[in-house]
Amino acid sequence: MTRTIVSLKLRGEAHPLGIRTWFMGVLNATPDSFYDGGLFLDPERAVARGLELAAQGADIIDIGGESSRPGSDPVPAEEEIRRVVPIIDGLRRQTSAFLSVDTTKSVVARAALDAGADIVNDISALRFDRDIPALAAERGAAVVLMHMLGVPKTMQEAPAYEDTLAEVKGFLVERLAAAFQSGLSRDRVIIDPGIGFGKKLKDNLILLNHLSELADLGCSILVGPSRKTFIGKILDLPPEERLEGTLAASVLSVVRGAHILRVHDVQAVRRAVRVAEAILGEDRAGGNLEKPNRYVC
């Protein structure tokens, strides 16, 4: 294991990450997301799904109202708010899991924080709306800074790098500086290399295999490999048949240094990671491995 111990401050409390893997469950209130688009447009159904993710072991539930799949178009802020705020409000009343809003707009982030969100997951890394970091700092929220080449509409048309790892890391260093300048502390920032966001297959594989190179930035590292196109290219399978590939990518991400995994299938991924952590001797918070098990073979 190459994972370092870092601190993440949420709701005024410092949480050590790296003792065990944290899980961020994906909850898309969108009609056009690549895997679960249209399934959770109804707020009641979305809240029920969020509670299910929490029961499966999600530490964070990430609620999004705008698809960021390749080729997607932006959604007006008013529509995004209409989609996500009732879900955040409903979940905040019924679960202690941390809540994240997946948005690039400060007006959406403000409405989500008002409803009870703890994290702003910004795929633009604070580039599209420069009011987000000051808002997050004022509210005591954490932010996710993700690397993306271009914008969702065009990011996969012709992505090109001379040195994928160096360029992604350099981008994150620059965006961290911008976050700190706006008043955010290191323990309120999560970094994400942006798997699938303006990357070819080889770029994604390089980043996943060298996640440990991001450890010296001193922040929590989040990885979102769940059912993505790079898995489909390796296995020649559609999104609904990429669970096994997601399990493999998730376990290797943890081995390479990820603190948080953003996934659709929290229960399956959590179980796979739990076993990997036990084998690697990293089961420091998962319980007594010697306790009796009624499923012993």
C-alpha atoms as a PDB file:
ATOM      1  CA  MET A   1       0.000   0.000   0.000  1.00  0.00           C
ATOM      2  CA  THR A   2       1.258   3.470  -0.887  1.00  0.00           C
ATOM      3  CA  ARG A   3      -1.598   5.388   0.746  1.00  0.00           C
ATOM      4  CA  THR A   4      -0.666   8.210   3.104  1.00  0.00           C
ATOM      5  CA  ILE A   5      -2.692   9.410   6.092  1.00  0.00           C
ATOM      6  CA  VAL A   6      -4.255  12.825   5.488  1.00  0.00           C
ATOM      7  CA  SER A   7      -6.873  14.932   7.226  1.00  0.00           C
ATOM      8  CA  LEU A   8     -10.247  15.896   5.773  1.00  0.00           C
ATOM      9  CA  LYS A   9     -12.316  18.432   7.707  1.00  0.00           C
ATOM     10  CA  LEU A  10     -16.083  18.059   7.439  1.00  0.00           C
ATOM     11  CA  ARG A  11     -18.750  19.595   9.689  1.00  0.00           C
ATOM     12  CA  GLY A  12     -15.987  21.122  11.800  1.00  0.00           C
ATOM     13  CA  GLU A  13     -14.360  17.768  12.601  1.00  0.00           C
ATOM     14  CA  ALA A  14     -11.051  16.469  11.264  1.00  0.00           C
ATOM     15  CA  HIS A  15     -11.297  12.966   9.811  1.00  0.00           C
ATOM     16  CA  PRO A  16      -8.124  10.940   9.173  1.00  0.00           C
ATOM     17  CA  LEU A  17      -8.259   9.353   5.714  1.00  0.00           C
ATOM     18  CA  GLY A  18      -6.021   6.457   4.799  1.00  0.00           C
ATOM     19  CA  ILE A  19      -6.857   4.246   7.767  1.00  0.00           C
ATOM     20  CA  ARG A  20      -9.619   2.744   5.672  1.00  0.00           C
ATOM     21  CA  THR A  21     -11.065   3.551   2.262  1.00  0.00           C
ATOM     22  CA  TRP A  22     -13.992   5.958   2.101  1.00  0.00           C
ATOM     23  CA  PHE A  23     -16.775   5.504  -0.440  1.00  0.00           C
ATOM     24  CA  MET A  24     -18.668   8.182  -2.322  1.00  0.00           C
ATOM     25  CA  GLY A  25     -21.918   6.867  -3.757  1.00  0.00           C
ATOM     26  CA  VAL A  26     -23.052   8.294  -7.096  1.00  0.00           C
ATOM     27  CA  LEU A  27     -26.592   9.682  -7.245  1.00  0.00           C
ATOM     28  CA  ASN A  28     -27.445  11.324 -10.561  1.00  0.00           C
ATOM     29  CA  ALA A  29     -30.712  13.254 -10.807  1.00  0.00           C
ATOM     30  CA  THR A  30     -30.260  13.609 -14.556  1.00  0.00           C
ATOM     31  CA  PRO A  31     -31.991  12.227 -17.660  1.00  0.00           C
ATOM     32  CA  ASP A  32     -28.785  11.686 -19.611  1.00  0.00           C
ATOM     33  CA  SER A  33     -25.953  10.346 -17.411  1.00  0.00           C
ATOM     34  CA  PHE A  34     -24.072   7.537 -19.124  1.00  0.00           C
ATOM     35  CA  TYR A  35     -25.093   4.750 -16.733  1.00  0.00           C
ATOM     36  CA  ASP A  36     -28.019   5.702 -14.467  1.00  0.00           C
ATOM     37  CA  GLY A  37     -29.526   8.614 -16.402  1.00  0.00           C
ATOM     38  CA  GLY A  38     -33.277   8.950 -15.852  1.00  0.00           C
ATOM     39  CA  LEU A  39     -33.500   6.484 -12.972  1.00  0.00           C
ATOM     40  CA  PHE A  40     -33.592   9.022 -10.143  1.00  0.00           C
ATOM     41  CA  LEU A  41     -35.319  12.097 -11.528  1.00  0.00           C
ATOM     42  CA  ASP A  42     -38.141  11.716  -9.000  1.00  0.00           C
ATOM     43  CA  PRO A  43     -36.931  13.200  -5.675  1.00  0.00           C
ATOM     44  CA  GLU A  44     -38.562  10.512  -3.531  1.00  0.00           C
ATOM     45  CA  ARG A  45     -36.944   7.769  -5.572  1.00  0.00           C
ATOM     46  CA  ALA A  46     -33.623   9.601  -5.455  1.00  0.00           C
ATOM     47  CA  VAL A  47     -33.764   9.988  -1.678  1.00  0.00           C
ATOM     48  CA  ALA A  48     -34.568   6.285  -1.334  1.00  0.00           C
ATOM     49  CA  ARG A  49     -31.543   5.476  -3.514  1.00  0.00           C
ATOM     50  CA  GLY A  50     -29.360   7.757  -1.416  1.00  0.00           C
ATOM     51  CA  LEU A  51     -30.464   6.013   1.772  1.00  0.00           C
ATOM     52  CA  GLU A  52     -29.731   2.685   0.094  1.00  0.00           C
ATOM     53  CA  LEU A  53     -26.202   3.853  -0.763  1.00  0.00           C
ATOM     54  CA  ALA A  54     -25.689   4.957   2.840  1.00  0.00           C
ATOM     55  CA  ALA A  55     -26.890   1.567   4.091  1.00  0.00           C
ATOM     56  CA  GLN A  56     -24.398  -0.096   1.738  1.00  0.00           C
ATOM     57  CA  GLY A  57     -21.569   1.825   3.373  1.00  0.00           C
ATOM     58  CA  ALA A  58     -21.292   5.133   1.520  1.00  0.00           C
ATOM     59  CA  ASP A  59     -19.514   7.708   3.658  1.00  0.00           C
ATOM     60  CA  ILE A  60     -20.457  10.425   1.146  1.00  0.00           C
ATOM     61  CA  ILE A  61     -23.394  10.654  -1.254  1.00  0.00           C
ATOM     62  CA  ASP A  62     -22.643  12.744  -4.350  1.00  0.00           C
ATOM     63  CA  ILE A  63     -25.774  14.314  -5.854  1.00  0.00           C
ATOM     64  CA  GLY A  64     -25.581  15.700  -9.373  1.00  0.00           C
ATOM     65  CA  GLY A  65     -28.144  17.531 -11.490  1.00  0.00           C
ATOM     66  CA  GLU A  66     -26.076  18.025 -14.632  1.00  0.00           C
ATOM     67  CA  SER A  67     -24.534  15.220 -16.675  1.00  0.00           C
ATOM     68  CA  SER A  68     -20.811  15.521 -17.397  1.00  0.00           C
ATOM     69  CA  ARG A  69     -20.594  12.571 -19.769  1.00  0.00           C
ATOM     70  CA  PRO A  70     -18.643  13.208 -22.989  1.00  0.00           C
ATOM     71  CA  GLY A  71     -20.731  15.287 -25.385  1.00  0.00           C
ATOM     72  CA  SER A  72     -23.180  16.510 -22.758  1.00  0.00           C
ATOM     73  CA  ASP A  73     -24.622  20.022 -22.782  1.00  0.00           C
ATOM     74  CA  PRO A  74     -24.794  22.409 -19.793  1.00  0.00           C
ATOM     75  CA  VAL A  75     -27.984  22.652 -17.742  1.00  0.00           C
ATOM     76  CA  PRO A  76     -29.393  26.023 -16.545  1.00  0.00           C
ATOM     77  CA  ALA A  77     -28.664  26.700 -12.889  1.00  0.00           C
ATOM     78  CA  GLU A  78     -32.363  26.939 -12.042  1.00  0.00           C
ATOM     79  CA  GLU A  79     -32.988  23.438 -13.409  1.00  0.00           C
ATOM     80  CA  GLU A  80     -29.964  22.058 -11.640  1.00  0.00           C
ATOM     81  CA  ILE A  81     -31.195  23.512  -8.340  1.00  0.00           C
ATOM     82  CA  ARG A  82     -34.677  22.093  -8.955  1.00  0.00           C
ATOM     83  CA  ARG A  83     -33.173  18.649  -9.414  1.00  0.00           C
ATOM     84  CA  VAL A  84     -30.710  18.472  -6.523  1.00  0.00           C
ATOM     85  CA  VAL A  85     -31.995  20.593  -3.633  1.00  0.00           C
ATOM     86  CA  PRO A  86     -35.047  18.456  -2.725  1.00  0.00           C
ATOM     87  CA  ILE A  87     -32.810  15.380  -2.695  1.00  0.00           C
ATOM     88  CA  ILE A  88     -30.175  16.979  -0.490  1.00  0.00           C
ATOM     89  CA  ASP A  89     -32.840  18.299   1.855  1.00  0.00           C
ATOM     90  CA  GLY A  90     -34.508  14.891   2.063  1.00  0.00           C
ATOM     91  CA  LEU A  91     -31.274  13.040   2.688  1.00  0.00           C
ATOM     92  CA  ARG A  92     -30.037  15.527   5.272  1.00  0.00           C
ATOM     93  CA  ARG A  93     -33.160  14.821   7.315  1.00  0.00           C
ATOM     94  CA  GLN A  94     -32.704  11.039   7.179  1.00  0.00           C
ATOM     95  CA  THR A  95     -29.000  10.145   7.111  1.00  0.00           C
ATOM     96  CA  SER A  96     -25.789  11.214   8.817  1.00  0.00           C
ATOM     97  CA  ALA A  97     -23.754  10.452   5.674  1.00  0.00           C
ATOM     98  CA  PHE A  98     -21.860  13.398   4.271  1.00  0.00           C
ATOM     99  CA  LEU A  99     -23.504  14.973   1.241  1.00  0.00           C
ATOM    100  CA  SER A 100     -21.748  16.326  -1.823  1.00  0.00           C
ATOM    101  CA  VAL A 101     -23.173  18.397  -4.665  1.00  0.00           C
ATOM    102  CA  ASP A 102     -21.674  17.766  -8.097  1.00  0.00           C
ATOM    103  CA  THR A 103     -21.736  21.223  -9.706  1.00  0.00           C
ATOM    104  CA  THR A 104     -19.587  23.911 -11.303  1.00  0.00           C
ATOM    105  CA  LYS A 105     -21.950  26.801 -10.460  1.00  0.00           C
ATOM    106  CA  SER A 106     -21.721  28.872  -7.274  1.00  0.00           C
ATOM    107  CA  VAL A 107     -25.464  29.595  -7.232  1.00  0.00           C
ATOM    108  CA  VAL A 108     -26.169  25.851  -7.255  1.00  0.00           C
ATOM    109  CA  ALA A 109     -23.479  25.220  -4.669  1.00  0.00           C
ATOM    110  CA  ARG A 110     -24.978  27.904  -2.400  1.00  0.00           C
ATOM    111  CA  ALA A 111     -28.471  26.383  -2.637  1.00  0.00           C
ATOM    112  CA  ALA A 112     -27.055  22.916  -1.964  1.00  0.00           C
ATOM    113  CA  LEU A 113     -25.073  24.097   1.062  1.00  0.00           C
ATOM    114  CA  ASP A 114     -28.193  25.838   2.357  1.00  0.00           C
ATOM    115  CA  ALA A 115     -30.017  22.497   2.052  1.00  0.00           C
ATOM    116  CA  GLY A 116     -27.334  20.638   4.006  1.00  0.00           C
ATOM    117  CA  ALA A 117     -24.510  19.674   1.629  1.00  0.00           C
ATOM    118  CA  ASP A 118     -20.994  19.343   3.078  1.00  0.00           C
ATOM    119  CA  ILE A 119     -18.876  19.182  -0.090  1.00  0.00           C
ATOM    120  CA  VAL A 120     -18.825  20.894  -3.478  1.00  0.00           C
ATOM    121  CA  ASN A 121     -17.572  18.468  -6.132  1.00  0.00           C
ATOM    122  CA  ASP A 122     -16.380  20.769  -8.918  1.00  0.00           C
ATOM    123  CA  ILE A 123     -15.252  18.994 -12.092  1.00  0.00           C
ATOM    124  CA  SER A 124     -13.817  22.295 -13.352  1.00  0.00           C
ATOM    125  CA  ALA A 125     -11.528  22.626 -10.325  1.00  0.00           C
ATOM    126  CA  LEU A 126     -12.876  26.135  -9.627  1.00  0.00           C
ATOM    127  CA  ARG A 127     -12.227  27.409 -13.170  1.00  0.00           C
ATOM    128  CA  PHE A 128     -15.785  27.866 -14.435  1.00  0.00           C
ATOM    129  CA  ASP A 129     -17.078  29.865 -11.465  1.00  0.00           C
ATOM    130  CA  ARG A 130     -14.473  31.555  -9.314  1.00  0.00           C
ATOM    131  CA  ASP A 131     -16.959  32.364  -6.563  1.00  0.00           C
ATOM    132  CA  ILE A 132     -17.074  28.728  -5.410  1.00  0.00           C
ATOM    133  CA  PRO A 133     -13.868  28.649  -3.312  1.00  0.00           C
ATOM    134  CA  ALA A 134     -14.777  31.770  -1.304  1.00  0.00           C
ATOM    135  CA  LEU A 135     -18.280  30.379  -0.772  1.00  0.00           C
ATOM    136  CA  ALA A 136     -16.904  27.034   0.411  1.00  0.00           C
ATOM    137  CA  ALA A 137     -14.404  28.753   2.707  1.00  0.00           C
ATOM    138  CA  GLU A 138     -17.159  30.932   4.187  1.00  0.00           C
ATOM    139  CA  ARG A 139     -19.433  27.938   4.812  1.00  0.00           C
ATOM    140  CA  GLY A 140     -16.736  25.583   6.095  1.00  0.00           C
ATOM    141  CA  ALA A 141     -17.378  23.183   3.219  1.00  0.00           C
ATOM    142  CA  ALA A 142     -14.852  20.966   1.469  1.00  0.00           C
ATOM    143  CA  VAL A 143     -14.271  21.011  -2.284  1.00  0.00           C
ATOM    144  CA  VAL A 144     -13.197  18.443  -4.858  1.00  0.00           C
ATOM    145  CA  LEU A 145     -10.771  19.726  -7.490  1.00  0.00           C
ATOM    146  CA  MET A 146     -10.840  17.501 -10.561  1.00  0.00           C
ATOM    147  CA  HIS A 147      -8.611  17.565 -13.612  1.00  0.00           C
ATOM    148  CA  MET A 148     -10.467  17.891 -16.902  1.00  0.00           C
ATOM    149  CA  LEU A 149      -9.094  18.722 -20.327  1.00  0.00           C
ATOM    150  CA  GLY A 150     -11.557  21.166 -21.910  1.00  0.00           C
ATOM    151  CA  VAL A 151     -15.282  20.905 -21.193  1.00  0.00           C
ATOM    152  CA  PRO A 152     -17.618  17.867 -21.154  1.00  0.00           C
ATOM    153  CA  LYS A 153     -19.052  18.739 -24.578  1.00  0.00           C
ATOM    154  CA  THR A 154     -15.683  18.407 -26.341  1.00  0.00           C
ATOM    155  CA  MET A 155     -13.242  16.845 -23.869  1.00  0.00           C
ATOM    156  CA  GLN A 156     -13.038  13.469 -25.631  1.00  0.00           C
ATOM    157  CA  GLU A 157     -12.709  14.752 -29.194  1.00  0.00           C
ATOM    158  CA  ALA A 158      -8.906  14.777 -29.333  1.00  0.00           C
ATOM    159  CA  PRO A 159      -7.262  14.704 -25.881  1.00  0.00           C
ATOM    160  CA  ALA A 160      -3.466  14.813 -26.078  1.00  0.00           C
ATOM    161  CA  TYR A 161      -0.645  14.961 -23.551  1.00  0.00           C
ATOM    162  CA  GLU A 162       3.124  14.915 -23.790  1.00  0.00           C
ATOM    163  CA  ASP A 163       3.440  13.659 -20.210  1.00  0.00           C
ATOM    164  CA  THR A 164       0.037  12.707 -18.780  1.00  0.00           C
ATOM    165  CA  LEU A 165       1.059  12.368 -15.150  1.00  0.00           C
ATOM    166  CA  ALA A 166       3.192  15.524 -15.049  1.00  0.00           C
ATOM    167  CA  GLU A 167       0.532  17.629 -16.769  1.00  0.00           C
ATOM    168  CA  VAL A 168      -2.320  16.412 -14.567  1.00  0.00           C
ATOM    169  CA  LYS A 169      -0.234  16.898 -11.420  1.00  0.00           C
ATOM    170  CA  GLY A 170       0.863  20.348 -12.563  1.00  0.00           C
ATOM    171  CA  PHE A 171      -2.753  21.331 -13.159  1.00  0.00           C
ATOM    172  CA  LEU A 172      -3.745  20.161  -9.668  1.00  0.00           C
ATOM    173  CA  VAL A 173      -0.842  22.075  -8.098  1.00  0.00           C
ATOM    174  CA  GLU A 174      -2.009  25.238  -9.843  1.00  0.00           C
ATOM    175  CA  ARG A 175      -5.637  24.743  -8.832  1.00  0.00           C
ATOM    176  CA  LEU A 176      -4.642  24.002  -5.236  1.00  0.00           C
ATOM    177  CA  ALA A 177      -2.812  27.327  -5.152  1.00  0.00           C
ATOM    178  CA  ALA A 178      -5.964  29.074  -6.371  1.00  0.00           C
ATOM    179  CA  ALA A 179      -8.033  27.323  -3.701  1.00  0.00           C
ATOM    180  CA  PHE A 180      -5.625  28.268  -0.928  1.00  0.00           C
ATOM    181  CA  GLN A 181      -5.523  31.874  -2.126  1.00  0.00           C
ATOM    182  CA  SER A 182      -9.308  31.984  -1.757  1.00  0.00           C
ATOM    183  CA  GLY A 183      -9.138  30.911   1.879  1.00  0.00           C
ATOM    184  CA  LEU A 184      -9.548  27.134   1.657  1.00  0.00           C
ATOM    185  CA  SER A 185      -7.234  25.079   3.839  1.00  0.00           C
ATOM    186  CA  ARG A 186      -5.523  21.900   2.651  1.00  0.00           C
ATOM    187  CA  ASP A 187      -7.705  19.742   4.900  1.00  0.00           C
ATOM    188  CA  ARG A 188     -10.803  21.003   3.066  1.00  0.00           C
ATOM    189  CA  VAL A 189      -9.564  20.056  -0.399  1.00  0.00           C
ATOM    190  CA  ILE A 190      -9.891  16.699  -2.175  1.00  0.00           C
ATOM    191  CA  ILE A 191      -8.042  16.139  -5.453  1.00  0.00           C
ATOM    192  CA  ASP A 192      -9.262  13.969  -8.328  1.00  0.00           C
ATOM    193  CA  PRO A 193      -7.178  13.073 -11.440  1.00  0.00           C
ATOM    194  CA  GLY A 194     -10.374  12.997 -13.515  1.00  0.00           C
ATOM    195  CA  ILE A 195     -10.490   9.488 -14.961  1.00  0.00           C
ATOM    196  CA  GLY A 196     -12.328   9.673 -18.290  1.00  0.00           C
ATOM    197  CA  PHE A 197     -12.405  13.463 -18.456  1.00  0.00           C
ATOM    198  CA  GLY A 198     -10.353  14.401 -21.493  1.00  0.00           C
ATOM    199  CA  LYS A 199      -8.230  11.247 -21.472  1.00  0.00           C
ATOM    200  CA  LYS A 200      -7.485   8.383 -23.818  1.00  0.00           C
ATOM    201  CA  LEU A 201      -7.315   4.813 -22.556  1.00  0.00           C
ATOM    202  CA  LYS A 202      -3.557   4.951 -21.980  1.00  0.00           C
ATOM    203  CA  ASP A 203      -3.880   8.232 -20.056  1.00  0.00           C
ATOM    204  CA  ASN A 204      -6.390   6.703 -17.638  1.00  0.00           C
ATOM    205  CA  LEU A 205      -4.201   3.655 -17.084  1.00  0.00           C
ATOM    206  CA  ILE A 206      -1.114   5.788 -16.443  1.00  0.00           C
ATOM    207  CA  LEU A 207      -2.944   7.912 -13.886  1.00  0.00           C
ATOM    208  CA  LEU A 208      -4.427   4.937 -12.042  1.00  0.00           C
ATOM    209  CA  ASN A 209      -1.096   3.139 -11.946  1.00  0.00           C
ATOM    210  CA  HIS A 210       0.751   6.207 -10.632  1.00  0.00           C
ATOM    211  CA  LEU A 211      -1.717   7.691  -8.157  1.00  0.00           C
ATOM    212  CA  SER A 212       0.980   7.594  -5.495  1.00  0.00           C
ATOM    213  CA  GLU A 213       2.725  10.428  -7.358  1.00  0.00           C
ATOM    214  CA  LEU A 214      -0.059  12.730  -6.140  1.00  0.00           C
ATOM    215  CA  ALA A 215       0.508  11.911  -2.470  1.00  0.00           C
ATOM    216  CA  ASP A 216       3.035  14.702  -1.941  1.00  0.00           C
ATOM    217  CA  LEU A 217       0.295  17.264  -2.607  1.00  0.00           C
ATOM    218  CA  GLY A 218      -0.915  16.450   0.916  1.00  0.00           C
ATOM    219  CA  CYS A 219      -4.629  16.184   0.094  1.00  0.00           C
ATOM    220  CA  SER A 220      -7.229  13.432   0.079  1.00  0.00           C
ATOM    221  CA  ILE A 221      -7.169  11.624  -3.273  1.00  0.00           C
ATOM    222  CA  LEU A 222     -10.495  10.703  -4.865  1.00  0.00           C
ATOM    223  CA  VAL A 223     -10.802   8.391  -7.873  1.00  0.00           C
ATOM    224  CA  GLY A 224     -13.937   7.754  -9.936  1.00  0.00           C
ATOM    225  CA  PRO A 225     -13.420   4.656 -12.124  1.00  0.00           C
ATOM    226  CA  SER A 226     -17.002   3.418 -11.878  1.00  0.00           C
ATOM    227  CA  ARG A 227     -18.237   1.707 -15.071  1.00  0.00           C
ATOM    228  CA  LYS A 228     -16.348   4.192 -17.246  1.00  0.00           C
ATOM    229  CA  THR A 229     -15.439   3.970 -20.915  1.00  0.00           C
ATOM    230  CA  PHE A 230     -11.837   2.900 -20.324  1.00  0.00           C
ATOM    231  CA  ILE A 231     -13.180  -0.286 -18.719  1.00  0.00           C
ATOM    232  CA  GLY A 232     -15.506  -0.778 -21.667  1.00  0.00           C
ATOM    233  CA  LYS A 233     -12.589  -0.448 -24.078  1.00  0.00           C
ATOM    234  CA  ILE A 234     -10.534  -3.033 -22.216  1.00  0.00           C
ATOM    235  CA  LEU A 235     -13.383  -5.542 -21.913  1.00  0.00           C
ATOM    236  CA  ASP A 236     -15.462  -4.535 -24.956  1.00  0.00           C
ATOM    237  CA  LEU A 237     -18.561  -4.265 -22.762  1.00  0.00           C
ATOM    238  CA  PRO A 238     -21.355  -1.686 -22.248  1.00  0.00           C
ATOM    239  CA  PRO A 239     -21.726   0.228 -18.934  1.00  0.00           C
ATOM    240  CA  GLU A 240     -24.200  -2.234 -17.434  1.00  0.00           C
ATOM    241  CA  GLU A 241     -21.621  -5.045 -17.749  1.00  0.00           C
ATOM    242  CA  ARG A 242     -18.606  -3.221 -16.298  1.00  0.00           C
ATOM    243  CA  LEU A 243     -18.962  -4.106 -12.611  1.00  0.00           C
ATOM    244  CA  GLU A 244     -16.060  -6.570 -12.546  1.00  0.00           C
ATOM    245  CA  GLY A 245     -13.829  -4.058 -14.289  1.00  0.00           C
ATOM    246  CA  THR A 246     -14.886  -1.429 -11.770  1.00  0.00           C
ATOM    247  CA  LEU A 247     -13.956  -3.770  -8.907  1.00  0.00           C
ATOM    248  CA  ALA A 248     -10.487  -4.330 -10.362  1.00  0.00           C
ATOM    249  CA  ALA A 249      -9.882  -0.627 -10.997  1.00  0.00           C
ATOM    250  CA  SER A 250     -11.157   0.278  -7.531  1.00  0.00           C
ATOM    251  CA  VAL A 251      -8.947  -2.192  -5.679  1.00  0.00           C
ATOM    252  CA  LEU A 252      -5.871  -1.149  -7.640  1.00  0.00           C
ATOM    253  CA  SER A 253      -6.693   2.505  -7.034  1.00  0.00           C
ATOM    254  CA  VAL A 254      -6.665   1.869  -3.288  1.00  0.00           C
ATOM    255  CA  VAL A 255      -3.364  -0.014  -3.554  1.00  0.00           C
ATOM    256  CA  ARG A 256      -1.906   2.937  -5.466  1.00  0.00           C
ATOM    257  CA  GLY A 257      -3.033   5.511  -2.920  1.00  0.00           C
ATOM    258  CA  ALA A 258      -6.707   6.508  -3.332  1.00  0.00           C
ATOM    259  CA  HIS A 259      -8.442   7.589  -0.128  1.00  0.00           C
ATOM    260  CA  ILE A 260     -11.965   7.880  -1.575  1.00  0.00           C
ATOM    261  CA  LEU A 261     -13.667   5.892  -4.343  1.00  0.00           C
ATOM    262  CA  ARG A 262     -16.593   7.453  -6.215  1.00  0.00           C
ATOM    263  CA  VAL A 263     -18.732   4.534  -7.402  1.00  0.00           C
ATOM    264  CA  HIS A 264     -22.257   3.520  -8.367  1.00  0.00           C
ATOM    265  CA  ASP A 265     -22.001   0.056  -6.763  1.00  0.00           C
ATOM    266  CA  VAL A 266     -21.000   0.877  -3.187  1.00  0.00           C
ATOM    267  CA  GLN A 267     -21.725  -2.518  -1.638  1.00  0.00           C
ATOM    268  CA  ALA A 268     -19.816  -4.581  -4.208  1.00  0.00           C
ATOM    269  CA  VAL A 269     -16.822  -2.249  -4.310  1.00  0.00           C
ATOM    270  CA  ARG A 270     -16.712  -1.930  -0.527  1.00  0.00           C
ATOM    271  CA  ARG A 271     -16.624  -5.703  -0.126  1.00  0.00           C
ATOM    272  CA  ALA A 272     -13.845  -6.105  -2.696  1.00  0.00           C
ATOM    273  CA  VAL A 273     -11.762  -3.363  -1.091  1.00  0.00           C
ATOM    274  CA  ARG A 274     -12.347  -4.773   2.400  1.00  0.00           C
ATOM    275  CA  VAL A 275     -10.811  -8.078   1.348  1.00  0.00           C
ATOM    276  CA  ALA A 276      -7.889  -6.369  -0.383  1.00  0.00           C
ATOM    277  CA  GLU A 277      -7.181  -4.245   2.692  1.00  0.00           C
ATOM    278  CA  ALA A 278      -7.254  -7.331   4.902  1.00  0.00           C
ATOM    279  CA  ILE A 279      -4.801  -9.189   2.644  1.00  0.00           C
ATOM    280  CA  LEU A 280      -2.470  -6.191   2.597  1.00  0.00           C
ATOM    281  CA  GLY A 281      -2.614  -5.863   6.367  1.00  0.00           C
ATOM    282  CA  GLU A 282      -4.422  -2.529   6.175  1.00  0.00           C
ATOM    283  CA  ASP A 283      -7.592  -3.579   7.994  1.00  0.00           C
ATOM    284  CA  ARG A 284      -6.907  -1.153  10.845  1.00  0.00           C
ATOM    285  CA  ALA A 285     -10.488   0.046  11.152  1.00  0.00           C
ATOM    286  CA  GLY A 286     -12.547  -2.722   9.650  1.00  0.00           C
ATOM    287  CA  GLY A 287     -13.062  -4.910  12.692  1.00  0.00           C
ATOM    288  CA  ASN A 288     -11.696  -8.136  14.134  1.00  0.00           C
ATOM    289  CA  LEU A 289     -10.675 -10.502  11.342  1.00  0.00           C
ATOM    290  CA  GLU A 290     -10.621 -13.393  13.825  1.00  0.00           C
ATOM    291  CA  LYS A 291     -14.308 -13.179  14.772  1.00  0.00           C
ATOM    292  CA  PRO A 292     -16.434 -16.252  13.982  1.00  0.00           C
ATOM    293  CA  ASN A 293     -18.060 -16.347  10.564  1.00  0.00           C
ATOM    294  CA  ARG A 294     -21.103 -18.457   9.857  1.00  0.00           C
ATOM    295  CA  TYR A 295     -20.102 -18.719   6.204  1.00  0.00           C
ATOM    296  CA  VAL A 296     -16.823 -20.555   6.837  1.00  0.00           C
ATOM    297  CA  CYS A 297     -16.243 -23.225   4.166  1.00  0.00           C
END
